[in-house]
Amino acid sequence: MAIDHLGIRVPPSMFSATLKFYLSALKPFGYKEMMRPVENCVGLGVYRPDFFITADHEVHTNQKVHLAFKAENHAIVDGFYSAGIAAGGTYNGPPGPRPEYNQPSYYAAFVFDPVGNNIEASYE
């Protein structure tokens, strides 16, 4: 069974910075804003919205999740990392091989988004 879509909830004060980060960091994958069903919720995707960011007044601190986006090549991983850092993300592991994951061809980069989520781009 596959995941159809997922979303993160962020404090309203972090909504704009978080949206800016994801629009930039996921651009190498082809992601763009695809829908805004209400003002405080944005759906991003390539062909259809599958990743949502919602400002939620009940969220005061982030729940800190790890999201991994599958890339089609090393260049997308590298682009994700550069764009993510430039858009306000924080270093959490530069692009490169990850032999410690017991997959010799695993190539990944990690960036913390503005609210502290560990975002990964990977290729294998």
PDB file of N, CA and C in Angstrom:
ATOM      1  N   MET A   1       0.848  -1.172   0.000  1.00  0.00           N
ATOM      2  CA  MET A   1       0.000   0.000   0.000  1.00  0.00           C
ATOM      3  C   MET A   1       0.896   1.237   0.000  1.00  0.00           C
ATOM      4  N   ALA A   2       0.584   2.217  -0.798  1.00  0.00           N
ATOM      5  CA  ALA A   2       1.372   3.441  -0.900  1.00  0.00           C
ATOM      6  C   ALA A   2       0.715   4.575  -0.121  1.00  0.00           C
ATOM      7  N   ILE A   3       1.502   5.562   0.228  1.00  0.00           N
ATOM      8  CA  ILE A   3       0.979   6.761   0.879  1.00  0.00           C
ATOM      9  C   ILE A   3       0.443   7.684  -0.205  1.00  0.00           C
ATOM     10  N   ASP A   4      -0.776   8.177  -0.034  1.00  0.00           N
ATOM     11  CA  ASP A   4      -1.392   9.071  -1.012  1.00  0.00           C
ATOM     12  C   ASP A   4      -0.927  10.515  -0.842  1.00  0.00           C
ATOM     13  N   HIS A   5      -0.894  10.988   0.398  1.00  0.00           N
ATOM     14  CA  HIS A   5      -0.419  12.333   0.680  1.00  0.00           C
ATOM     15  C   HIS A   5      -0.070  12.431   2.157  1.00  0.00           C
ATOM     16  N   LEU A   6       0.660  13.454   2.517  1.00  0.00           N
ATOM     17  CA  LEU A   6       0.994  13.683   3.915  1.00  0.00           C
ATOM     18  C   LEU A   6       1.080  15.174   4.145  1.00  0.00           C
ATOM     19  N   GLY A   7       1.116  15.544   5.408  1.00  0.00           N
ATOM     20  CA  GLY A   7       1.169  16.958   5.730  1.00  0.00           C
ATOM     21  C   GLY A   7       1.845  17.210   7.050  1.00  0.00           C
ATOM     22  N   ILE A   8       2.295  18.432   7.214  1.00  0.00           N
ATOM     23  CA  ILE A   8       2.846  18.864   8.489  1.00  0.00           C
ATOM     24  C   ILE A   8       2.053  20.078   8.952  1.00  0.00           C
ATOM     25  N   ARG A   9       1.938  20.205  10.263  1.00  0.00           N
ATOM     26  CA  ARG A   9       1.279  21.359  10.870  1.00  0.00           C
ATOM     27  C   ARG A   9       2.353  22.179  11.561  1.00  0.00           C
ATOM     28  N   VAL A  10       2.287  23.479  11.380  1.00  0.00           N
ATOM     29  CA  VAL A  10       3.286  24.365  11.965  1.00  0.00           C
ATOM     30  C   VAL A  10       2.588  25.515  12.682  1.00  0.00           C
ATOM     31  N   PRO A  11       3.272  26.143  13.646  1.00  0.00           N
ATOM     32  CA  PRO A  11       2.690  27.325  14.273  1.00  0.00           C
ATOM     33  C   PRO A  11       2.461  28.405  13.210  1.00  0.00           C
ATOM     34  N   PRO A  12       1.389  29.171  13.313  1.00  0.00           N
ATOM     35  CA  PRO A  12       1.121  30.223  12.327  1.00  0.00           C
ATOM     36  C   PRO A  12       2.294  31.184  12.124  1.00  0.00           C
ATOM     37  N   SER A  13       3.037  31.451  13.184  1.00  0.00           N
ATOM     38  CA  SER A  13       4.174  32.375  13.071  1.00  0.00           C
ATOM     39  C   SER A  13       5.285  31.825  12.181  1.00  0.00           C
ATOM     40  N   MET A  14       5.294  30.519  11.940  1.00  0.00           N
ATOM     41  CA  MET A  14       6.334  29.882  11.120  1.00  0.00           C
ATOM     42  C   MET A  14       5.827  29.462   9.744  1.00  0.00           C
ATOM     43  N   PHE A  15       4.556  29.730   9.445  1.00  0.00           N
ATOM     44  CA  PHE A  15       3.966  29.255   8.192  1.00  0.00           C
ATOM     45  C   PHE A  15       4.687  29.802   6.962  1.00  0.00           C
ATOM     46  N   SER A  16       4.885  31.104   6.891  1.00  0.00           N
ATOM     47  CA  SER A  16       5.511  31.714   5.710  1.00  0.00           C
ATOM     48  C   SER A  16       6.932  31.213   5.500  1.00  0.00           C
ATOM     49  N   ALA A  17       7.728  31.174   6.565  1.00  0.00           N
ATOM     50  CA  ALA A  17       9.112  30.710   6.444  1.00  0.00           C
ATOM     51  C   ALA A  17       9.168  29.241   6.043  1.00  0.00           C
ATOM     52  N   THR A  18       8.262  28.446   6.602  1.00  0.00           N
ATOM     53  CA  THR A  18       8.237  27.021   6.279  1.00  0.00           C
ATOM     54  C   THR A  18       7.810  26.799   4.831  1.00  0.00           C
ATOM     55  N   LEU A  19       6.793  27.517   4.384  1.00  0.00           N
ATOM     56  CA  LEU A  19       6.354  27.397   2.992  1.00  0.00           C
ATOM     57  C   LEU A  19       7.468  27.816   2.039  1.00  0.00           C
ATOM     58  N   LYS A  20       8.132  28.923   2.322  1.00  0.00           N
ATOM     59  CA  LYS A  20       9.247  29.388   1.485  1.00  0.00           C
ATOM     60  C   LYS A  20      10.329  28.316   1.400  1.00  0.00           C
ATOM     61  N   PHE A  21      10.662  27.713   2.536  1.00  0.00           N
ATOM     62  CA  PHE A  21      11.680  26.663   2.561  1.00  0.00           C
ATOM     63  C   PHE A  21      11.300  25.516   1.632  1.00  0.00           C
ATOM     64  N   TYR A  22      10.087  24.991   1.778  1.00  0.00           N
ATOM     65  CA  TYR A  22       9.689  23.827   0.975  1.00  0.00           C
ATOM     66  C   TYR A  22       9.547  24.159  -0.508  1.00  0.00           C
ATOM     67  N   LEU A  23       9.037  25.335  -0.837  1.00  0.00           N
ATOM     68  CA  LEU A  23       8.943  25.712  -2.248  1.00  0.00           C
ATOM     69  C   LEU A  23      10.325  25.748  -2.892  1.00  0.00           C
ATOM     70  N   SER A  24      11.319  26.194  -2.149  1.00  0.00           N
ATOM     71  CA  SER A  24      12.681  26.257  -2.675  1.00  0.00           C
ATOM     72  C   SER A  24      13.367  24.893  -2.648  1.00  0.00           C
ATOM     73  N   ALA A  25      13.329  24.226  -1.491  1.00  0.00           N
ATOM     74  CA  ALA A  25      14.045  22.955  -1.331  1.00  0.00           C
ATOM     75  C   ALA A  25      13.498  21.853  -2.226  1.00  0.00           C
ATOM     76  N   LEU A  26      12.200  21.862  -2.493  1.00  0.00           N
ATOM     77  CA  LEU A  26      11.598  20.799  -3.304  1.00  0.00           C
ATOM     78  C   LEU A  26      11.497  21.158  -4.787  1.00  0.00           C
ATOM     79  N   LYS A  27      11.922  22.353  -5.149  1.00  0.00           N
ATOM     80  CA  LYS A  27      11.887  22.750  -6.562  1.00  0.00           C
ATOM     81  C   LYS A  27      12.709  21.813  -7.448  1.00  0.00           C
ATOM     82  N   PRO A  28      13.898  21.328  -7.009  1.00  0.00           N
ATOM     83  CA  PRO A  28      14.643  20.392  -7.855  1.00  0.00           C
ATOM     84  C   PRO A  28      13.869  19.106  -8.170  1.00  0.00           C
ATOM     85  N   PHE A  29      12.904  18.755  -7.338  1.00  0.00           N
ATOM     86  CA  PHE A  29      12.060  17.580  -7.584  1.00  0.00           C
ATOM     87  C   PHE A  29      10.917  17.901  -8.546  1.00  0.00           C
ATOM     88  N   GLY A  30      10.680  19.181  -8.780  1.00  0.00           N
ATOM     89  CA  GLY A  30       9.556  19.603  -9.610  1.00  0.00           C
ATOM     90  C   GLY A  30       8.343  20.029  -8.808  1.00  0.00           C
ATOM     91  N   TYR A  31       8.480  20.088  -7.483  1.00  0.00           N
ATOM     92  CA  TYR A  31       7.356  20.489  -6.631  1.00  0.00           C
ATOM     93  C   TYR A  31       7.054  21.969  -6.804  1.00  0.00           C
ATOM     94  N   LYS A  32       5.768  22.294  -6.714  1.00  0.00           N
ATOM     95  CA  LYS A  32       5.304  23.679  -6.762  1.00  0.00           C
ATOM     96  C   LYS A  32       3.986  23.757  -5.990  1.00  0.00           C
ATOM     97  N   GLU A  33       3.555  24.976  -5.704  1.00  0.00           N
ATOM     98  CA  GLU A  33       2.256  25.145  -5.057  1.00  0.00           C
ATOM     99  C   GLU A  33       1.175  24.763  -6.054  1.00  0.00           C
ATOM    100  N   MET A  34       0.285  23.858  -5.644  1.00  0.00           N
ATOM    101  CA  MET A  34      -0.763  23.380  -6.538  1.00  0.00           C
ATOM    102  C   MET A  34      -2.157  23.760  -6.071  1.00  0.00           C
ATOM    103  N   MET A  35      -2.302  23.989  -4.782  1.00  0.00           N
ATOM    104  CA  MET A  35      -3.623  24.376  -4.288  1.00  0.00           C
ATOM    105  C   MET A  35      -3.490  25.071  -2.950  1.00  0.00           C
ATOM    106  N   ARG A  36      -4.477  25.893  -2.660  1.00  0.00           N
ATOM    107  CA  ARG A  36      -4.573  26.570  -1.369  1.00  0.00           C
ATOM    108  C   ARG A  36      -6.049  26.527  -1.000  1.00  0.00           C
ATOM    109  N   PRO A  37      -6.493  25.369  -0.446  1.00  0.00           N
ATOM    110  CA  PRO A  37      -7.918  25.199  -0.170  1.00  0.00           C
ATOM    111  C   PRO A  37      -8.466  26.222   0.821  1.00  0.00           C
ATOM    112  N   VAL A  38      -7.623  26.626   1.743  1.00  0.00           N
ATOM    113  CA  VAL A  38      -7.931  27.715   2.668  1.00  0.00           C
ATOM    114  C   VAL A  38      -6.636  28.498   2.843  1.00  0.00           C
ATOM    115  N   GLU A  39      -6.738  29.699   3.373  1.00  0.00           N
ATOM    116  CA  GLU A  39      -5.568  30.573   3.436  1.00  0.00           C
ATOM    117  C   GLU A  39      -4.394  29.980   4.206  1.00  0.00           C
ATOM    118  N   ASN A  40      -4.669  29.189   5.230  1.00  0.00           N
ATOM    119  CA  ASN A  40      -3.597  28.675   6.076  1.00  0.00           C
ATOM    120  C   ASN A  40      -3.158  27.255   5.710  1.00  0.00           C
ATOM    121  N   CYS A  41      -3.468  26.799   4.506  1.00  0.00           N
ATOM    122  CA  CYS A  41      -3.088  25.452   4.072  1.00  0.00           C
ATOM    123  C   CYS A  41      -2.676  25.490   2.604  1.00  0.00           C
ATOM    124  N   VAL A  42      -1.514  24.921   2.313  1.00  0.00           N
ATOM    125  CA  VAL A  42      -1.008  24.880   0.946  1.00  0.00           C
ATOM    126  C   VAL A  42      -0.674  23.442   0.585  1.00  0.00           C
ATOM    127  N   GLY A  43      -1.109  23.029  -0.596  1.00  0.00           N
ATOM    128  CA  GLY A  43      -0.781  21.707  -1.122  1.00  0.00           C
ATOM    129  C   GLY A  43       0.284  21.833  -2.191  1.00  0.00           C
ATOM    130  N   LEU A  44       1.399  21.143  -2.001  1.00  0.00           N
ATOM    131  CA  LEU A  44       2.493  21.132  -2.965  1.00  0.00           C
ATOM    132  C   LEU A  44       2.512  19.791  -3.680  1.00  0.00           C
ATOM    133  N   GLY A  45       3.041  19.768  -4.886  1.00  0.00           N
ATOM    134  CA  GLY A  45       3.163  18.513  -5.607  1.00  0.00           C
ATOM    135  C   GLY A  45       3.825  18.708  -6.948  1.00  0.00           C
ATOM    136  N   VAL A  46       3.996  17.606  -7.666  1.00  0.00           N
ATOM    137  CA  VAL A  46       4.548  17.629  -9.014  1.00  0.00           C
ATOM    138  C   VAL A  46       3.405  17.530 -10.015  1.00  0.00           C
ATOM    139  N   TYR A  47       2.605  16.480  -9.891  1.00  0.00           N
ATOM    140  CA  TYR A  47       1.461  16.269 -10.788  1.00  0.00           C
ATOM    141  C   TYR A  47       0.129  16.549 -10.102  1.00  0.00           C
ATOM    142  N   ARG A  48       0.116  16.406  -8.786  1.00  0.00           N
ATOM    143  CA  ARG A  48      -1.066  16.680  -7.977  1.00  0.00           C
ATOM    144  C   ARG A  48      -0.567  16.948  -6.566  1.00  0.00           C
ATOM    145  N   PRO A  49      -1.330  17.640  -5.748  1.00  0.00           N
ATOM    146  CA  PRO A  49      -0.850  17.926  -4.399  1.00  0.00           C
ATOM    147  C   PRO A  49      -0.746  16.652  -3.565  1.00  0.00           C
ATOM    148  N   ASP A  50       0.447  16.426  -3.013  1.00  0.00           N
ATOM    149  CA  ASP A  50       0.633  15.259  -2.156  1.00  0.00           C
ATOM    150  C   ASP A  50       1.380  15.597  -0.866  1.00  0.00           C
ATOM    151  N   PHE A  51       1.753  16.869  -0.703  1.00  0.00           N
ATOM    152  CA  PHE A  51       2.441  17.312   0.506  1.00  0.00           C
ATOM    153  C   PHE A  51       1.818  18.638   0.942  1.00  0.00           C
ATOM    154  N   PHE A  52       1.246  18.639   2.146  1.00  0.00           N
ATOM    155  CA  PHE A  52       0.506  19.805   2.634  1.00  0.00           C
ATOM    156  C   PHE A  52       1.202  20.438   3.834  1.00  0.00           C
ATOM    157  N   ILE A  53       1.159  21.755   3.879  1.00  0.00           N
ATOM    158  CA  ILE A  53       1.665  22.523   5.010  1.00  0.00           C
ATOM    159  C   ILE A  53       0.490  23.342   5.529  1.00  0.00           C
ATOM    160  N   THR A  54       0.206  23.198   6.812  1.00  0.00           N
ATOM    161  CA  THR A  54      -0.939  23.879   7.412  1.00  0.00           C
ATOM    162  C   THR A  54      -0.492  24.662   8.640  1.00  0.00           C
ATOM    163  N   ALA A  55      -0.911  25.920   8.719  1.00  0.00           N
ATOM    164  CA  ALA A  55      -0.708  26.717   9.925  1.00  0.00           C
ATOM    165  C   ALA A  55      -1.838  26.368  10.882  1.00  0.00           C
ATOM    166  N   ASP A  56      -1.471  25.972  12.075  1.00  0.00           N
ATOM    167  CA  ASP A  56      -2.469  25.522  13.041  1.00  0.00           C
ATOM    168  C   ASP A  56      -2.241  26.245  14.365  1.00  0.00           C
ATOM    169  N   HIS A  57      -3.242  27.003  14.815  1.00  0.00           N
ATOM    170  CA  HIS A  57      -3.124  27.768  16.065  1.00  0.00           C
ATOM    171  C   HIS A  57      -2.948  26.874  17.289  1.00  0.00           C
ATOM    172  N   GLU A  58      -3.272  25.606  17.176  1.00  0.00           N
ATOM    173  CA  GLU A  58      -3.108  24.691  18.306  1.00  0.00           C
ATOM    174  C   GLU A  58      -1.693  24.124  18.388  1.00  0.00           C
ATOM    175  N   VAL A  59      -0.894  24.373  17.369  1.00  0.00           N
ATOM    176  CA  VAL A  59       0.489  23.884  17.367  1.00  0.00           C
ATOM    177  C   VAL A  59       1.385  25.005  17.877  1.00  0.00           C
ATOM    178  N   HIS A  60       2.022  24.769  19.011  1.00  0.00           N
ATOM    179  CA  HIS A  60       2.908  25.774  19.587  1.00  0.00           C
ATOM    180  C   HIS A  60       4.366  25.382  19.424  1.00  0.00           C
ATOM    181  N   THR A  61       4.611  24.108  19.350  1.00  0.00           N
ATOM    182  CA  THR A  61       5.956  23.609  19.061  1.00  0.00           C
ATOM    183  C   THR A  61       5.812  22.519  18.008  1.00  0.00           C
ATOM    184  N   ASN A  62       6.842  22.339  17.247  1.00  0.00           N
ATOM    185  CA  ASN A  62       6.792  21.352  16.179  1.00  0.00           C
ATOM    186  C   ASN A  62       6.930  19.946  16.740  1.00  0.00           C
ATOM    187  N   GLN A  63       6.341  18.981  16.049  1.00  0.00           N
ATOM    188  CA  GLN A  63       6.392  17.587  16.482  1.00  0.00           C
ATOM    189  C   GLN A  63       7.613  16.862  15.934  1.00  0.00           C
ATOM    190  N   LYS A  64       8.414  17.521  15.144  1.00  0.00           N
ATOM    191  CA  LYS A  64       9.671  17.026  14.594  1.00  0.00           C
ATOM    192  C   LYS A  64       9.556  15.648  13.959  1.00  0.00           C
ATOM    193  N   VAL A  65       9.375  15.666  12.662  1.00  0.00           N
ATOM    194  CA  VAL A  65       9.289  14.432  11.884  1.00  0.00           C
ATOM    195  C   VAL A  65      10.477  14.338  10.935  1.00  0.00           C
ATOM    196  N   HIS A  66      10.680  13.159  10.396  1.00  0.00           N
ATOM    197  CA  HIS A  66      11.694  12.923   9.368  1.00  0.00           C
ATOM    198  C   HIS A  66      10.959  12.564   8.084  1.00  0.00           C
ATOM    199  N   LEU A  67      11.159  13.372   7.047  1.00  0.00           N
ATOM    200  CA  LEU A  67      10.559  13.120   5.743  1.00  0.00           C
ATOM    201  C   LEU A  67      11.674  12.898   4.739  1.00  0.00           C
ATOM    202  N   ALA A  68      11.543  11.881   3.911  1.00  0.00           N
ATOM    203  CA  ALA A  68      12.540  11.603   2.874  1.00  0.00           C
ATOM    204  C   ALA A  68      11.864  11.651   1.509  1.00  0.00           C
ATOM    205  N   PHE A  69      12.433  12.438   0.611  1.00  0.00           N
ATOM    206  CA  PHE A  69      11.939  12.561  -0.755  1.00  0.00           C
ATOM    207  C   PHE A  69      12.891  11.812  -1.677  1.00  0.00           C
ATOM    208  N   LYS A  70      12.348  10.923  -2.492  1.00  0.00           N
ATOM    209  CA  LYS A  70      13.150  10.087  -3.378  1.00  0.00           C
ATOM    210  C   LYS A  70      13.503  10.856  -4.647  1.00  0.00           C
ATOM    211  N   ALA A  71      14.796  10.986  -4.906  1.00  0.00           N
ATOM    212  CA  ALA A  71      15.289  11.707  -6.079  1.00  0.00           C
ATOM    213  C   ALA A  71      15.578  10.738  -7.220  1.00  0.00           C
ATOM    214  N   GLU A  72      15.585  11.269  -8.429  1.00  0.00           N
ATOM    215  CA  GLU A  72      15.877  10.460  -9.612  1.00  0.00           C
ATOM    216  C   GLU A  72      17.359  10.438  -9.959  1.00  0.00           C
ATOM    217  N   ASN A  73      18.158  11.303  -9.311  1.00  0.00           N
ATOM    218  CA  ASN A  73      19.600  11.326  -9.570  1.00  0.00           C
ATOM    219  C   ASN A  73      20.310  12.146  -8.490  1.00  0.00           C
ATOM    220  N   HIS A  74      21.654  12.123  -8.535  1.00  0.00           N
ATOM    221  CA  HIS A  74      22.458  12.864  -7.559  1.00  0.00           C
ATOM    222  C   HIS A  74      22.226  14.367  -7.669  1.00  0.00           C
ATOM    223  N   ALA A  75      22.039  14.867  -8.887  1.00  0.00           N
ATOM    224  CA  ALA A  75      21.879  16.310  -9.089  1.00  0.00           C
ATOM    225  C   ALA A  75      20.663  16.854  -8.340  1.00  0.00           C
ATOM    226  N   ILE A  76      19.602  16.085  -8.268  1.00  0.00           N
ATOM    227  CA  ILE A  76      18.413  16.529  -7.532  1.00  0.00           C
ATOM    228  C   ILE A  76      18.711  16.584  -6.038  1.00  0.00           C
ATOM    229  N   VAL A  77      19.434  15.593  -5.527  1.00  0.00           N
ATOM    230  CA  VAL A  77      19.828  15.597  -4.109  1.00  0.00           C
ATOM    231  C   VAL A  77      20.676  16.833  -3.822  1.00  0.00           C
ATOM    232  N   ASP A  78      21.663  17.085  -4.682  1.00  0.00           N
ATOM    233  CA  ASP A  78      22.542  18.241  -4.501  1.00  0.00           C
ATOM    234  C   ASP A  78      21.751  19.551  -4.570  1.00  0.00           C
ATOM    235  N   GLY A  79      20.829  19.646  -5.534  1.00  0.00           N
ATOM    236  CA  GLY A  79      20.010  20.844  -5.683  1.00  0.00           C
ATOM    237  C   GLY A  79      19.106  21.081  -4.490  1.00  0.00           C
ATOM    238  N   PHE A  80      18.519  20.002  -3.974  1.00  0.00           N
ATOM    239  CA  PHE A  80      17.688  20.083  -2.769  1.00  0.00           C
ATOM    240  C   PHE A  80      18.489  20.679  -1.617  1.00  0.00           C
ATOM    241  N   TYR A  81      19.690  20.160  -1.409  1.00  0.00           N
ATOM    242  CA  TYR A  81      20.515  20.603  -0.290  1.00  0.00           C
ATOM    243  C   TYR A  81      20.863  22.091  -0.419  1.00  0.00           C
ATOM    244  N   SER A  82      21.356  22.480  -1.585  1.00  0.00           N
ATOM    245  CA  SER A  82      21.732  23.883  -1.802  1.00  0.00           C
ATOM    246  C   SER A  82      20.536  24.812  -1.640  1.00  0.00           C
ATOM    247  N   ALA A  83      19.424  24.449  -2.247  1.00  0.00           N
ATOM    248  CA  ALA A  83      18.220  25.284  -2.169  1.00  0.00           C
ATOM    249  C   ALA A  83      17.671  25.331  -0.753  1.00  0.00           C
ATOM    250  N   GLY A  84      17.709  24.208  -0.061  1.00  0.00           N
ATOM    251  CA  GLY A  84      17.207  24.162   1.310  1.00  0.00           C
ATOM    252  C   GLY A  84      18.000  25.042   2.254  1.00  0.00           C
ATOM    253  N   ILE A  85      19.320  24.995   2.138  1.00  0.00           N
ATOM    254  CA  ILE A  85      20.170  25.842   2.979  1.00  0.00           C
ATOM    255  C   ILE A  85      19.942  27.312   2.625  1.00  0.00           C
ATOM    256  N   ALA A  86      19.882  27.629   1.336  1.00  0.00           N
ATOM    257  CA  ALA A  86      19.674  29.013   0.898  1.00  0.00           C
ATOM    258  C   ALA A  86      18.321  29.561   1.347  1.00  0.00           C
ATOM    259  N   ALA A  87      17.336  28.679   1.527  1.00  0.00           N
ATOM    260  CA  ALA A  87      15.985  29.105   1.912  1.00  0.00           C
ATOM    261  C   ALA A  87      15.763  29.102   3.422  1.00  0.00           C
ATOM    262  N   GLY A  88      16.828  28.997   4.192  1.00  0.00           N
ATOM    263  CA  GLY A  88      16.685  29.082   5.640  1.00  0.00           C
ATOM    264  C   GLY A  88      16.775  27.772   6.382  1.00  0.00           C
ATOM    265  N   GLY A  89      17.054  26.684   5.672  1.00  0.00           N
ATOM    266  CA  GLY A  89      17.245  25.398   6.332  1.00  0.00           C
ATOM    267  C   GLY A  89      18.582  25.365   7.058  1.00  0.00           C
ATOM    268  N   THR A  90      18.736  24.386   7.922  1.00  0.00           N
ATOM    269  CA  THR A  90      19.955  24.231   8.705  1.00  0.00           C
ATOM    270  C   THR A  90      20.649  22.932   8.331  1.00  0.00           C
ATOM    271  N   TYR A  91      21.953  22.992   8.213  1.00  0.00           N
ATOM    272  CA  TYR A  91      22.798  21.849   7.879  1.00  0.00           C
ATOM    273  C   TYR A  91      22.496  20.649   8.776  1.00  0.00           C
ATOM    274  N   ASN A  92      22.346  19.483   8.154  1.00  0.00           N
ATOM    275  CA  ASN A  92      22.212  18.239   8.911  1.00  0.00           C
ATOM    276  C   ASN A  92      22.876  17.076   8.185  1.00  0.00           C
ATOM    277  N   GLY A  93      23.692  17.352   7.205  1.00  0.00           N
ATOM    278  CA  GLY A  93      24.416  16.313   6.482  1.00  0.00           C
ATOM    279  C   GLY A  93      24.472  16.624   5.004  1.00  0.00           C
ATOM    280  N   PRO A  94      25.662  16.925   4.486  1.00  0.00           N
ATOM    281  CA  PRO A  94      25.793  17.312   3.082  1.00  0.00           C
ATOM    282  C   PRO A  94      25.526  16.145   2.137  1.00  0.00           C
ATOM    283  N   PRO A  95      25.323  16.434   0.866  1.00  0.00           N
ATOM    284  CA  PRO A  95      25.112  15.360  -0.104  1.00  0.00           C
ATOM    285  C   PRO A  95      26.314  14.420  -0.157  1.00  0.00           C
ATOM    286  N   GLY A  96      26.028  13.146  -0.234  1.00  0.00           N
ATOM    287  CA  GLY A  96      27.104  12.172  -0.362  1.00  0.00           C
ATOM    288  C   GLY A  96      26.618  10.763  -0.106  1.00  0.00           C
ATOM    289  N   PRO A  97      27.507   9.787  -0.339  1.00  0.00           N
ATOM    290  CA  PRO A  97      27.163   8.383  -0.092  1.00  0.00           C
ATOM    291  C   PRO A  97      26.923   8.154   1.400  1.00  0.00           C
ATOM    292  N   ARG A  98      26.067   7.224   1.710  1.00  0.00           N
ATOM    293  CA  ARG A  98      25.765   6.868   3.097  1.00  0.00           C
ATOM    294  C   ARG A  98      25.973   5.362   3.283  1.00  0.00           C
ATOM    295  N   PRO A  99      27.228   4.910   3.297  1.00  0.00           N
ATOM    296  CA  PRO A  99      27.488   3.472   3.420  1.00  0.00           C
ATOM    297  C   PRO A  99      27.007   2.895   4.752  1.00  0.00           C
ATOM    298  N   GLU A 100      26.852   3.750   5.757  1.00  0.00           N
ATOM    299  CA  GLU A 100      26.390   3.278   7.066  1.00  0.00           C
ATOM    300  C   GLU A 100      24.960   2.757   7.018  1.00  0.00           C
ATOM    301  N   TYR A 101      24.236   3.026   5.936  1.00  0.00           N
ATOM    302  CA  TYR A 101      22.868   2.530   5.790  1.00  0.00           C
ATOM    303  C   TYR A 101      22.824   1.166   5.112  1.00  0.00           C
ATOM    304  N   ASN A 102      23.993   0.549   4.930  1.00  0.00           N
ATOM    305  CA  ASN A 102      24.109  -0.798   4.351  1.00  0.00           C
ATOM    306  C   ASN A 102      23.517  -0.904   2.952  1.00  0.00           C
ATOM    307  N   GLN A 103      23.515   0.190   2.241  1.00  0.00           N
ATOM    308  CA  GLN A 103      23.098   0.206   0.837  1.00  0.00           C
ATOM    309  C   GLN A 103      24.181   0.974   0.096  1.00  0.00           C
ATOM    310  N   PRO A 104      25.081   0.256  -0.580  1.00  0.00           N
ATOM    311  CA  PRO A 104      26.259   0.906  -1.152  1.00  0.00           C
ATOM    312  C   PRO A 104      25.960   2.044  -2.126  1.00  0.00           C
ATOM    313  N   SER A 105      24.801   2.038  -2.748  1.00  0.00           N
ATOM    314  CA  SER A 105      24.501   3.089  -3.723  1.00  0.00           C
ATOM    315  C   SER A 105      23.643   4.216  -3.136  1.00  0.00           C
ATOM    316  N   TYR A 106      23.378   4.188  -1.829  1.00  0.00           N
ATOM    317  CA  TYR A 106      22.522   5.198  -1.204  1.00  0.00           C
ATOM    318  C   TYR A 106      23.258   6.532  -1.123  1.00  0.00           C
ATOM    319  N   TYR A 107      22.680   7.572  -1.712  1.00  0.00           N
ATOM    320  CA  TYR A 107      23.251   8.916  -1.762  1.00  0.00           C
ATOM    321  C   TYR A 107      22.185   9.860  -1.220  1.00  0.00           C
ATOM    322  N   ALA A 108      22.542  10.654  -0.221  1.00  0.00           N
ATOM    323  CA  ALA A 108      21.512  11.469   0.427  1.00  0.00           C
ATOM    324  C   ALA A 108      22.078  12.773   0.971  1.00  0.00           C
ATOM    325  N   ALA A 109      21.167  13.686   1.273  1.00  0.00           N
ATOM    326  CA  ALA A 109      21.481  14.940   1.952  1.00  0.00           C
ATOM    327  C   ALA A 109      20.362  15.217   2.946  1.00  0.00           C
ATOM    328  N   PHE A 110      20.707  15.901   4.025  1.00  0.00           N
ATOM    329  CA  PHE A 110      19.757  16.173   5.102  1.00  0.00           C
ATOM    330  C   PHE A 110      19.791  17.656   5.475  1.00  0.00           C
ATOM    331  N   VAL A 111      18.606  18.229   5.664  1.00  0.00           N
ATOM    332  CA  VAL A 111      18.472  19.627   6.071  1.00  0.00           C
ATOM    333  C   VAL A 111      17.336  19.705   7.089  1.00  0.00           C
ATOM    334  N   PHE A 112      17.547  20.476   8.151  1.00  0.00           N
ATOM    335  CA  PHE A 112      16.445  20.778   9.061  1.00  0.00           C
ATOM    336  C   PHE A 112      15.649  21.934   8.466  1.00  0.00           C
ATOM    337  N   ASP A 113      14.321  21.795   8.403  1.00  0.00           N
ATOM    338  CA  ASP A 113      13.485  22.892   7.921  1.00  0.00           C
ATOM    339  C   ASP A 113      13.377  23.961   9.016  1.00  0.00           C
ATOM    340  N   PRO A 114      12.725  25.092   8.759  1.00  0.00           N
ATOM    341  CA  PRO A 114      12.668  26.171   9.751  1.00  0.00           C
ATOM    342  C   PRO A 114      12.028  25.806  11.089  1.00  0.00           C
ATOM    343  N   VAL A 115      11.220  24.750  11.134  1.00  0.00           N
ATOM    344  CA  VAL A 115      10.615  24.359  12.410  1.00  0.00           C
ATOM    345  C   VAL A 115      11.277  23.125  13.016  1.00  0.00           C
ATOM    346  N   GLY A 116      12.385  22.648  12.435  1.00  0.00           N
ATOM    347  CA  GLY A 116      13.160  21.569  13.035  1.00  0.00           C
ATOM    348  C   GLY A 116      12.938  20.178  12.490  1.00  0.00           C
ATOM    349  N   ASN A 117      12.111  20.016  11.461  1.00  0.00           N
ATOM    350  CA  ASN A 117      11.939  18.693  10.857  1.00  0.00           C
ATOM    351  C   ASN A 117      13.197  18.302  10.088  1.00  0.00           C
ATOM    352  N   ASN A 118      13.544  17.030  10.128  1.00  0.00           N
ATOM    353  CA  ASN A 118      14.697  16.503   9.405  1.00  0.00           C
ATOM    354  C   ASN A 118      14.233  16.081   8.011  1.00  0.00           C
ATOM    355  N   ILE A 119      14.624  16.851   6.996  1.00  0.00           N
ATOM    356  CA  ILE A 119      14.177  16.597   5.637  1.00  0.00           C
ATOM    357  C   ILE A 119      15.339  16.004   4.849  1.00  0.00           C
ATOM    358  N   GLU A 120      15.063  14.922   4.154  1.00  0.00           N
ATOM    359  CA  GLU A 120      16.088  14.179   3.420  1.00  0.00           C
ATOM    360  C   GLU A 120      15.719  14.094   1.946  1.00  0.00           C
ATOM    361  N   ALA A 121      16.731  14.179   1.114  1.00  0.00           N
ATOM    362  CA  ALA A 121      16.591  13.830  -0.302  1.00  0.00           C
ATOM    363  C   ALA A 121      17.527  12.655  -0.521  1.00  0.00           C
ATOM    364  N   SER A 122      17.038  11.596  -1.158  1.00  0.00           N
ATOM    365  CA  SER A 122      17.883  10.413  -1.339  1.00  0.00           C
ATOM    366  C   SER A 122      17.753   9.856  -2.745  1.00  0.00           C
ATOM    367  N   TYR A 123      18.828   9.204  -3.165  1.00  0.00           N
ATOM    368  CA  TYR A 123      18.868   8.534  -4.465  1.00  0.00           C
ATOM    369  C   TYR A 123      19.609   7.223  -4.280  1.00  0.00           C
ATOM    370  N   GLU A 124      19.093   6.172  -4.912  1.00  0.00           N
ATOM    371  CA  GLU A 124      19.831   4.899  -4.920  1.00  0.00           C
ATOM    372  C   GLU A 124      19.541   4.146  -6.181  1.00  0.00           C
TER     373      GLU A 124
END
